Amino acid sequence: MKQVTAVLVGAGARGQVYAEYARQHPEELRIVAVAEPRQDRRELACRAHGVGPERSFSSWEPLLEKPRMADAALICTLDGLHTAPALAALEKGYHVLLEKPMSNSEAECRAIAAAAERGGRVLCVCHVLRYTPFYATLKRLVDEGAVGEVAALAQIENVGYWHHAHSFVRGNWRSGAVSPMILQKSCHDMDILLWLVGRRCERVASFGSLRHFDAAHAPKGAPARCLDGCPASGSCPYYAPRIYLTENVGWPTDMLTTDLSREGREKALREGPYGRCVYRCDNDVVDRQVVNLEFEGGAVASFAMTAFTTDMARQLKITGTGGQITADMNTGRISLHCFGQADPQVIPVEAPPETNNYGHGGGDYYLMRDFVRAVRQGGAQTLSSAQASLQGHLICFAAERSRLCHTVEEL
């Protein structure tokens, strides 16, 4: 079995997740170089993977300017920094794992897909939901005709009130200039709906806005930071110590700092972005949005994303000419009810390997397994290739144009 070697470009939370595959499966994957601007995260990644100082870089440019030193590049930078390292890696002959979204620019998404096709390299986009046993089971049922011809799909993404505050109010994805919410968070959902239907999307309409997380909704007397004596500390569900000063030092707390002692976390809340009042941040992305889609052949789909939930889960209903499927990713329950049958069937879903379930219902693990196999085979297609992922991204761009301009967008 050939061991695949890879360079890690971006050692933040998602980069660490994908690189974890190398720690658990060293016979399959080895990280041989790390590029990361934050020194603390760079040093952690280098120690974790035994990377020496001669292959530790504070930015991607010097790493990818060198002669190719591995089979693959894991590009896990922030959204607006995907394109340049992805194109440079493809030019050097690396196979590429690219965190989603491919880019926050439609033109750059097209350029990345074209470069991957031109160079004959694997370019696997991290649409991890395609790899989950949950959605793979739904895809099998649809393709087997379990509900007849698909007529309509309805998916809801419950972001979760505290998750939305963490990532999209205080965190890295709070600005539409970085990535619109529909692109950054919900390109997964556009990709899944497109994949399940198996037809080209023709029309898109969308509505949504920022409703709640602004100064107008701040509690009376609320300061800029939670630790600066907020009078609503006892009642506000977004009070930062309630979220980050608990016994949990995993995600999302580990986003604050690499010093996860209580003192280190308190310092991060006093100085960093995650200690700010959610009503006094510089966020502008939507906190709820709906998208309607019409596909070639007539199937339609609706999607709703909302911050205002206590759970963090996706639910889906698929209706067809012969029956319906209801599914809840959080519980892993899929129910198939064919017309004319008295009772629905509960469809079993394979449980992912417990030690390898890094997140997203096992999708992170199966994504990495698929990518490593494709590289080992010298360039086989993956389930989420650049070409397969491109239209889902184009739907996101169309949805954002529709939301802002109050139009129905033709694709």
Protein backbone atom coordinates (compact mmCIF):
# COMPACT_ATOMS: atom_id res chain seq x y z
CA MET A 1 0.00 0.00 0.00
CA LYS A 2 1.53 3.29 -1.12
CA GLN A 3 1.70 5.96 1.56
CA VAL A 4 0.45 9.35 0.33
CA THR A 5 2.42 12.40 1.43
CA ALA A 6 0.83 15.83 1.81
CA VAL A 7 1.62 19.41 2.71
CA LEU A 8 -0.82 21.19 5.03
CA VAL A 9 -1.65 24.76 4.02
CA GLY A 10 -3.67 26.26 6.86
CA ALA A 11 -3.51 24.62 10.31
CA GLY A 12 -6.70 26.06 11.76
CA ALA A 13 -9.64 24.00 12.99
CA ARG A 14 -10.56 22.40 9.67
CA GLY A 15 -6.95 21.80 8.69
CA GLN A 16 -6.41 19.99 11.96
CA VAL A 17 -9.47 17.81 11.32
CA TYR A 18 -8.29 16.66 7.90
CA ALA A 19 -4.69 16.21 9.03
CA GLU A 20 -5.94 14.03 11.88
CA TYR A 21 -6.41 11.29 9.28
CA ALA A 22 -2.61 11.11 9.01
CA ARG A 23 -2.28 10.63 12.77
CA GLN A 24 -4.83 7.82 12.84
CA HIS A 25 -3.74 6.21 9.55
CA PRO A 26 0.02 6.81 9.24
CA GLU A 27 0.34 3.92 6.83
CA GLU A 28 -1.92 5.79 4.39
CA LEU A 29 -1.07 9.49 4.82
CA ARG A 30 1.86 11.53 6.16
CA ILE A 31 2.08 15.31 6.59
CA VAL A 32 5.54 16.47 5.51
CA ALA A 33 5.25 20.28 5.63
CA VAL A 34 3.05 22.93 7.25
CA ALA A 35 2.24 26.52 6.24
CA GLU A 36 0.28 28.57 8.77
CA PRO A 37 0.54 32.30 9.65
CA ARG A 38 -0.32 31.83 13.34
CA GLN A 39 2.82 30.67 15.09
CA ASP A 40 1.02 28.82 17.90
CA ARG A 41 -1.10 26.77 15.50
CA ARG A 42 1.86 26.18 13.18
CA GLU A 43 3.99 24.84 16.01
CA LEU A 44 1.18 22.59 17.25
CA ALA A 45 0.70 21.10 13.78
CA CYS A 46 4.43 20.57 13.28
CA ARG A 47 4.76 18.79 16.63
CA ALA A 48 1.71 16.65 15.92
CA HIS A 49 3.09 15.43 12.61
CA GLY A 50 6.83 15.42 13.28
CA VAL A 51 7.56 18.21 10.80
CA GLY A 52 10.97 19.86 11.25
CA PRO A 53 11.67 23.62 11.17
CA GLU A 54 13.06 23.41 7.64
CA ARG A 55 9.55 22.49 6.43
CA SER A 56 7.61 24.92 8.61
CA PHE A 57 6.41 28.08 6.84
CA SER A 58 4.56 31.20 8.00
CA SER A 59 2.74 31.52 4.67
CA TRP A 60 1.89 29.32 1.72
CA GLU A 61 4.03 31.16 -0.85
CA PRO A 62 7.50 29.92 0.14
CA LEU A 63 6.20 26.38 0.55
CA LEU A 64 4.60 26.23 -2.89
CA GLU A 65 7.48 28.08 -4.55
CA LYS A 66 9.75 25.13 -3.69
CA PRO A 67 9.94 22.04 -5.92
CA ARG A 68 7.02 19.71 -5.23
CA MET A 69 7.75 17.86 -2.00
CA ALA A 70 4.63 15.68 -1.66
CA ASP A 71 1.83 13.99 -3.55
CA ALA A 72 -0.93 16.27 -2.31
CA ALA A 73 -1.70 19.68 -0.81
CA LEU A 74 -4.44 20.16 1.79
CA ILE A 75 -5.63 23.76 1.26
CA CYS A 76 -7.44 24.77 4.47
CA THR A 77 -6.95 28.54 4.54
CA LEU A 78 -9.81 30.99 5.13
CA ASP A 79 -12.35 31.35 2.34
CA GLY A 80 -10.89 34.39 0.61
CA LEU A 81 -7.43 32.79 0.54
CA HIS A 82 -8.24 29.55 -1.29
CA THR A 83 -7.68 30.47 -4.91
CA ALA A 84 -4.03 31.48 -5.08
CA PRO A 85 -2.60 28.49 -3.15
CA ALA A 86 -4.96 26.07 -4.91
CA LEU A 87 -3.88 27.28 -8.35
CA ALA A 88 -0.21 27.31 -7.31
CA ALA A 89 -0.45 23.76 -5.97
CA LEU A 90 -2.13 22.51 -9.15
CA GLU A 91 0.53 24.24 -11.24
CA LYS A 92 3.23 22.42 -9.25
CA GLY A 93 1.54 19.10 -9.89
CA TYR A 94 0.01 18.51 -6.46
CA HIS A 95 -3.30 16.73 -6.05
CA VAL A 96 -5.46 19.12 -3.99
CA LEU A 97 -7.95 18.79 -1.16
CA LEU A 98 -9.71 22.17 -1.02
CA GLU A 99 -11.83 23.36 1.88
CA LYS A 100 -15.25 24.69 0.92
CA PRO A 101 -16.24 27.07 -0.48
CA MET A 102 -13.84 26.78 -3.41
CA SER A 103 -13.70 30.57 -3.48
CA ASN A 104 -15.91 33.53 -2.59
CA SER A 105 -15.67 34.62 -6.26
CA GLU A 106 -17.63 32.96 -9.05
CA ALA A 107 -14.87 33.64 -11.58
CA GLU A 108 -12.28 32.09 -9.27
CA CYS A 109 -14.41 28.98 -8.71
CA ARG A 110 -14.55 28.50 -12.48
CA ALA A 111 -10.78 29.09 -12.75
CA ILE A 112 -10.02 26.46 -10.08
CA ALA A 113 -12.26 23.87 -11.75
CA ALA A 114 -10.68 24.59 -15.14
CA ALA A 115 -7.15 24.32 -13.74
CA ALA A 116 -7.89 20.95 -12.13
CA GLU A 117 -9.35 19.59 -15.35
CA ARG A 118 -6.50 20.99 -17.44
CA GLY A 119 -3.81 19.51 -15.22
CA GLY A 120 -5.41 16.11 -14.74
CA ARG A 121 -5.01 16.38 -10.98
CA VAL A 122 -7.40 15.29 -8.25
CA LEU A 123 -9.16 18.32 -6.82
CA CYS A 124 -11.51 17.25 -4.06
CA VAL A 125 -13.76 19.93 -2.55
CA CYS A 126 -14.67 19.35 1.10
CA HIS A 127 -18.39 18.80 0.62
CA VAL A 128 -18.32 16.34 3.49
CA LEU A 129 -22.08 15.72 3.59
CA ARG A 130 -21.89 13.70 0.38
CA TYR A 131 -19.66 11.25 2.23
CA THR A 132 -21.88 10.68 5.26
CA PRO A 133 -23.66 7.33 5.56
CA PHE A 134 -26.84 9.38 6.21
CA TYR A 135 -26.89 11.25 2.90
CA ALA A 136 -25.39 8.32 1.00
CA THR A 137 -28.40 6.26 2.10
CA LEU A 138 -30.79 8.98 0.91
CA LYS A 139 -29.01 9.15 -2.44
CA ARG A 140 -29.29 5.37 -2.85
CA LEU A 141 -33.02 5.42 -2.07
CA VAL A 142 -33.67 8.22 -4.56
CA ASP A 143 -31.60 6.60 -7.30
CA GLU A 144 -33.36 3.26 -6.75
CA GLY A 145 -36.73 4.96 -7.25
CA ALA A 146 -37.95 4.35 -3.71
CA VAL A 147 -40.31 7.35 -3.95
CA GLY A 148 -40.85 7.18 -7.69
CA GLU A 149 -39.99 10.31 -9.62
CA VAL A 150 -38.78 13.04 -7.25
CA ALA A 151 -41.21 15.95 -7.16
CA ALA A 152 -40.10 18.18 -4.27
CA LEU A 153 -37.47 18.38 -1.53
CA ALA A 154 -37.48 20.53 1.59
CA GLN A 155 -34.35 20.87 3.71
CA ILE A 156 -33.82 22.97 6.82
CA GLU A 157 -30.48 23.77 8.38
CA ASN A 158 -30.75 24.52 12.09
CA VAL A 159 -27.52 26.39 12.70
CA GLY A 160 -28.07 26.77 16.45
CA TYR A 161 -28.23 30.07 18.30
CA TRP A 162 -24.81 29.80 20.00
CA HIS A 163 -23.10 28.31 16.90
CA HIS A 164 -24.35 31.19 14.78
CA ALA A 165 -23.11 33.68 17.36
CA HIS A 166 -19.73 31.95 17.51
CA SER A 167 -19.04 31.62 13.79
CA PHE A 168 -21.18 34.23 12.06
CA VAL A 169 -21.42 37.11 14.55
CA ARG A 170 -18.17 37.05 16.53
CA GLY A 171 -16.15 34.72 14.33
CA ASN A 172 -14.30 34.45 11.05
CA TRP A 173 -17.42 34.32 8.85
CA ARG A 174 -19.29 37.33 10.18
CA SER A 175 -18.77 39.41 7.02
CA GLY A 176 -20.40 38.95 3.65
CA ALA A 177 -17.25 40.41 2.14
CA VAL A 178 -15.46 37.25 3.31
CA SER A 179 -18.28 34.93 2.20
CA PRO A 180 -22.07 35.33 2.10
CA MET A 181 -23.77 33.02 4.59
CA ILE A 182 -25.39 30.98 1.80
CA LEU A 183 -21.95 30.30 0.33
CA GLN A 184 -19.91 29.72 3.48
CA LYS A 185 -22.35 27.70 5.57
CA SER A 186 -24.99 26.45 3.17
CA CYS A 187 -23.03 25.56 0.03
CA HIS A 188 -23.18 22.09 1.64
CA ASP A 189 -26.96 22.19 1.34
CA MET A 190 -27.08 23.48 -2.22
CA ASP A 191 -24.61 20.76 -3.17
CA ILE A 192 -26.65 18.03 -1.43
CA LEU A 193 -29.96 19.09 -3.02
CA LEU A 194 -28.32 19.18 -6.44
CA TRP A 195 -26.71 15.77 -5.86
CA LEU A 196 -29.92 14.14 -4.66
CA VAL A 197 -32.02 15.41 -7.57
CA GLY A 198 -29.31 14.56 -10.10
CA ARG A 199 -30.50 17.23 -12.52
CA ARG A 200 -29.23 20.68 -13.45
CA CYS A 201 -30.70 23.60 -11.47
CA GLU A 202 -32.36 26.13 -13.78
CA ARG A 203 -33.87 28.84 -11.53
CA VAL A 204 -33.15 30.25 -8.07
CA ALA A 205 -34.98 32.73 -5.80
CA SER A 206 -33.95 33.71 -2.28
CA PHE A 207 -34.97 35.92 0.65
CA GLY A 208 -33.26 36.75 3.94
CA SER A 209 -31.56 39.44 6.00
CA LEU A 210 -29.83 40.26 9.27
CA ARG A 211 -32.71 40.51 11.74
CA HIS A 212 -31.45 40.27 15.30
CA PHE A 213 -27.70 40.61 15.89
CA ASP A 214 -27.33 44.39 15.79
CA ALA A 215 -27.10 47.33 18.18
CA ALA A 216 -30.85 47.91 18.12
CA HIS A 217 -31.37 44.61 19.97
CA ALA A 218 -28.63 45.08 22.60
CA PRO A 219 -29.73 44.88 26.25
CA LYS A 220 -29.85 48.26 27.92
CA GLY A 221 -26.40 49.23 29.16
CA ALA A 222 -24.63 46.33 27.44
CA PRO A 223 -20.89 47.12 27.01
CA ALA A 224 -18.76 46.24 24.00
CA ARG A 225 -17.40 43.14 25.78
CA CYS A 226 -19.20 40.63 27.96
CA LEU A 227 -16.55 40.76 30.70
CA ASP A 228 -16.85 44.53 31.05
CA GLY A 229 -19.70 44.27 33.56
CA CYS A 230 -22.68 43.45 31.36
CA PRO A 231 -25.98 43.96 33.26
CA ALA A 232 -27.58 41.17 31.22
CA SER A 233 -24.94 38.56 32.09
CA GLY A 234 -27.44 36.44 34.02
CA SER A 235 -30.04 36.27 31.27
CA CYS A 236 -28.28 36.67 27.91
CA PRO A 237 -27.85 33.28 26.18
CA TYR A 238 -24.88 34.70 24.25
CA TYR A 239 -22.90 35.80 27.33
CA ALA A 240 -19.38 34.71 26.36
CA PRO A 241 -18.29 33.08 29.68
CA ARG A 242 -21.39 30.88 29.53
CA ILE A 243 -20.17 29.49 26.20
CA TYR A 244 -16.38 29.51 26.56
CA LEU A 245 -15.52 29.25 30.28
CA THR A 246 -16.89 25.75 30.81
CA GLU A 247 -15.28 22.33 31.17
CA ASN A 248 -15.40 21.94 27.38
CA VAL A 249 -12.07 22.91 25.85
CA GLY A 250 -12.82 21.36 22.46
CA TRP A 251 -14.71 23.08 19.67
CA PRO A 252 -15.75 25.89 19.73
CA THR A 253 -13.64 26.89 22.74
CA ASP A 254 -10.39 25.83 21.08
CA MET A 255 -10.97 28.52 18.45
CA LEU A 256 -10.21 31.22 21.05
CA THR A 257 -6.58 30.41 21.81
CA THR A 258 -4.08 27.59 22.10
CA ASP A 259 -3.78 28.40 25.83
CA LEU A 260 -6.92 26.64 27.05
CA SER A 261 -6.34 27.25 30.75
CA ARG A 262 -9.07 29.36 32.35
CA GLU A 263 -6.65 32.28 32.51
CA GLY A 264 -5.78 31.86 28.84
CA ARG A 265 -9.41 31.78 27.83
CA GLU A 266 -10.29 34.80 29.96
CA LYS A 267 -7.44 36.72 28.33
CA ALA A 268 -8.77 35.74 24.89
CA LEU A 269 -12.26 36.95 25.82
CA ARG A 270 -10.88 40.30 27.01
CA GLU A 271 -8.72 40.83 23.92
CA GLY A 272 -10.04 38.72 21.05
CA PRO A 273 -13.19 38.72 18.92
CA TYR A 274 -15.06 36.01 20.83
CA GLY A 275 -15.47 38.12 23.96
CA ARG A 276 -17.47 40.82 22.21
CA CYS A 277 -21.16 41.49 22.81
CA VAL A 278 -23.04 39.84 19.93
CA TYR A 279 -25.07 43.03 19.53
CA ARG A 280 -21.99 45.23 19.16
CA CYS A 281 -19.94 43.34 16.55
CA ASP A 282 -19.09 44.22 12.96
CA ASN A 283 -21.16 41.39 11.49
CA ASP A 284 -23.41 41.80 8.45
CA VAL A 285 -24.32 38.28 7.26
CA VAL A 286 -27.92 37.09 7.37
CA ASP A 287 -29.26 35.23 10.38
CA ARG A 288 -32.01 33.45 8.43
CA GLN A 289 -32.50 32.80 4.73
CA VAL A 290 -34.70 30.77 2.40
CA VAL A 291 -33.87 29.56 -1.11
CA ASN A 292 -36.23 28.08 -3.71
CA LEU A 293 -34.85 26.01 -6.58
CA GLU A 294 -36.31 24.63 -9.81
CA PHE A 295 -34.51 21.80 -11.59
CA GLU A 296 -34.42 20.56 -15.14
CA GLY A 297 -37.34 18.16 -15.51
CA GLY A 298 -39.57 20.03 -13.06
CA ALA A 299 -38.49 18.95 -9.57
CA VAL A 300 -38.45 21.79 -7.04
CA ALA A 301 -36.67 22.26 -3.71
CA SER A 302 -36.85 24.63 -0.78
CA PHE A 303 -34.11 25.33 1.71
CA ALA A 304 -34.27 27.26 4.97
CA MET A 305 -31.35 28.27 7.18
CA THR A 306 -31.98 29.78 10.60
CA ALA A 307 -29.82 30.83 13.53
CA PHE A 308 -32.75 30.74 15.92
CA THR A 309 -32.81 27.13 17.05
CA THR A 310 -31.62 25.22 20.09
CA ASP A 311 -30.50 22.25 18.05
CA MET A 312 -27.85 21.96 15.35
CA ALA A 313 -29.19 19.57 12.76
CA ARG A 314 -30.43 19.16 9.22
CA GLN A 315 -33.87 17.76 8.45
CA LEU A 316 -35.04 16.78 4.99
CA LYS A 317 -38.29 15.66 3.37
CA ILE A 318 -38.28 14.16 -0.13
CA THR A 319 -41.61 13.63 -1.87
CA GLY A 320 -42.13 11.76 -5.11
CA THR A 321 -44.79 10.20 -7.28
CA GLY A 322 -44.67 6.98 -5.27
CA GLY A 323 -43.98 7.97 -1.69
CA GLN A 324 -42.07 10.15 0.74
CA ILE A 325 -38.90 10.12 2.81
CA THR A 326 -38.45 12.04 6.05
CA ALA A 327 -34.98 12.23 7.52
CA ASP A 328 -33.20 13.80 10.48
CA MET A 329 -29.41 13.90 10.37
CA ASN A 330 -29.08 14.56 14.09
CA THR A 331 -30.84 11.33 15.06
CA GLY A 332 -29.75 9.47 11.93
CA ARG A 333 -33.36 8.38 11.39
CA ILE A 334 -34.68 7.87 7.84
CA SER A 335 -38.31 6.89 7.27
CA LEU A 336 -39.68 5.72 3.90
CA HIS A 337 -43.46 5.66 3.42
CA CYS A 338 -44.59 4.33 0.06
CA PHE A 339 -48.08 5.18 -1.14
CA GLY A 340 -50.55 2.38 -0.42
CA GLN A 341 -48.57 1.00 2.51
CA ALA A 342 -50.10 1.21 5.96
CA ASP A 343 -46.88 2.00 7.81
CA PRO A 344 -43.56 3.64 7.00
CA GLN A 345 -40.31 1.69 6.93
CA VAL A 346 -37.38 2.74 9.08
CA ILE A 347 -34.31 2.60 6.85
CA PRO A 348 -31.09 1.56 8.61
CA VAL A 349 -28.09 3.86 8.28
CA GLU A 350 -24.57 2.53 8.63
CA ALA A 351 -22.78 3.92 11.67
CA PRO A 352 -19.38 5.44 10.85
CA PRO A 353 -16.31 3.97 12.57
CA GLU A 354 -16.44 5.39 16.07
CA THR A 355 -12.75 6.26 16.35
CA ASN A 356 -12.76 7.95 12.94
CA ASN A 357 -15.92 10.03 13.26
CA TYR A 358 -14.25 13.44 13.24
CA GLY A 359 -17.52 15.24 12.59
CA HIS A 360 -20.34 15.83 10.10
CA GLY A 361 -21.77 12.36 10.74
CA GLY A 362 -18.55 10.65 9.68
CA GLY A 363 -18.24 12.74 6.53
CA ASP A 364 -14.82 14.13 7.46
CA TYR A 365 -13.38 10.64 7.75
CA TYR A 366 -14.91 9.25 4.55
CA LEU A 367 -13.87 12.36 2.62
CA MET A 368 -10.23 11.86 3.60
CA ARG A 369 -10.38 8.15 2.87
CA ASP A 370 -11.78 8.86 -0.61
CA PHE A 371 -9.19 11.55 -1.30
CA VAL A 372 -6.24 9.38 -0.24
CA ARG A 373 -7.50 6.50 -2.40
CA ALA A 374 -7.94 8.79 -5.42
CA VAL A 375 -4.38 10.14 -5.04
CA ARG A 376 -3.01 6.63 -4.58
CA GLN A 377 -4.71 5.61 -7.83
CA GLY A 378 -2.97 8.45 -9.65
CA GLY A 379 -5.85 10.82 -10.20
CA ALA A 380 -9.18 9.01 -9.91
CA GLN A 381 -12.30 11.15 -9.60
CA THR A 382 -13.67 11.76 -6.12
CA LEU A 383 -17.31 12.12 -5.12
CA SER A 384 -16.85 15.88 -4.70
CA SER A 385 -14.60 16.82 -7.63
CA ALA A 386 -14.24 20.44 -8.71
CA GLN A 387 -16.60 19.92 -11.64
CA ALA A 388 -19.17 18.14 -9.46
CA SER A 389 -19.02 20.95 -6.89
CA LEU A 390 -19.04 23.89 -9.27
CA GLN A 391 -22.78 24.12 -9.92
CA GLY A 392 -23.58 24.05 -6.23
CA HIS A 393 -21.35 27.09 -5.83
CA LEU A 394 -23.03 28.78 -8.80
CA ILE A 395 -26.41 28.23 -7.13
CA CYS A 396 -25.09 30.01 -4.02
CA PHE A 397 -23.92 33.02 -6.04
CA ALA A 398 -27.29 33.13 -7.82
CA ALA A 399 -29.15 32.92 -4.49
CA GLU A 400 -27.18 35.85 -3.10
CA ARG A 401 -27.89 37.94 -6.21
CA SER A 402 -31.57 37.06 -5.88
CA ARG A 403 -31.63 38.02 -2.18
CA LEU A 404 -29.96 41.37 -2.76
CA CYS A 405 -31.71 42.32 -6.01
CA HIS A 406 -35.16 40.72 -5.45
CA THR A 407 -34.93 38.74 -8.67
CA VAL A 408 -35.43 35.21 -9.92
CA GLU A 409 -32.06 34.12 -11.24
CA GLU A 410 -31.74 31.93 -14.33
CA LEU A 411 -28.84 29.49 -14.40
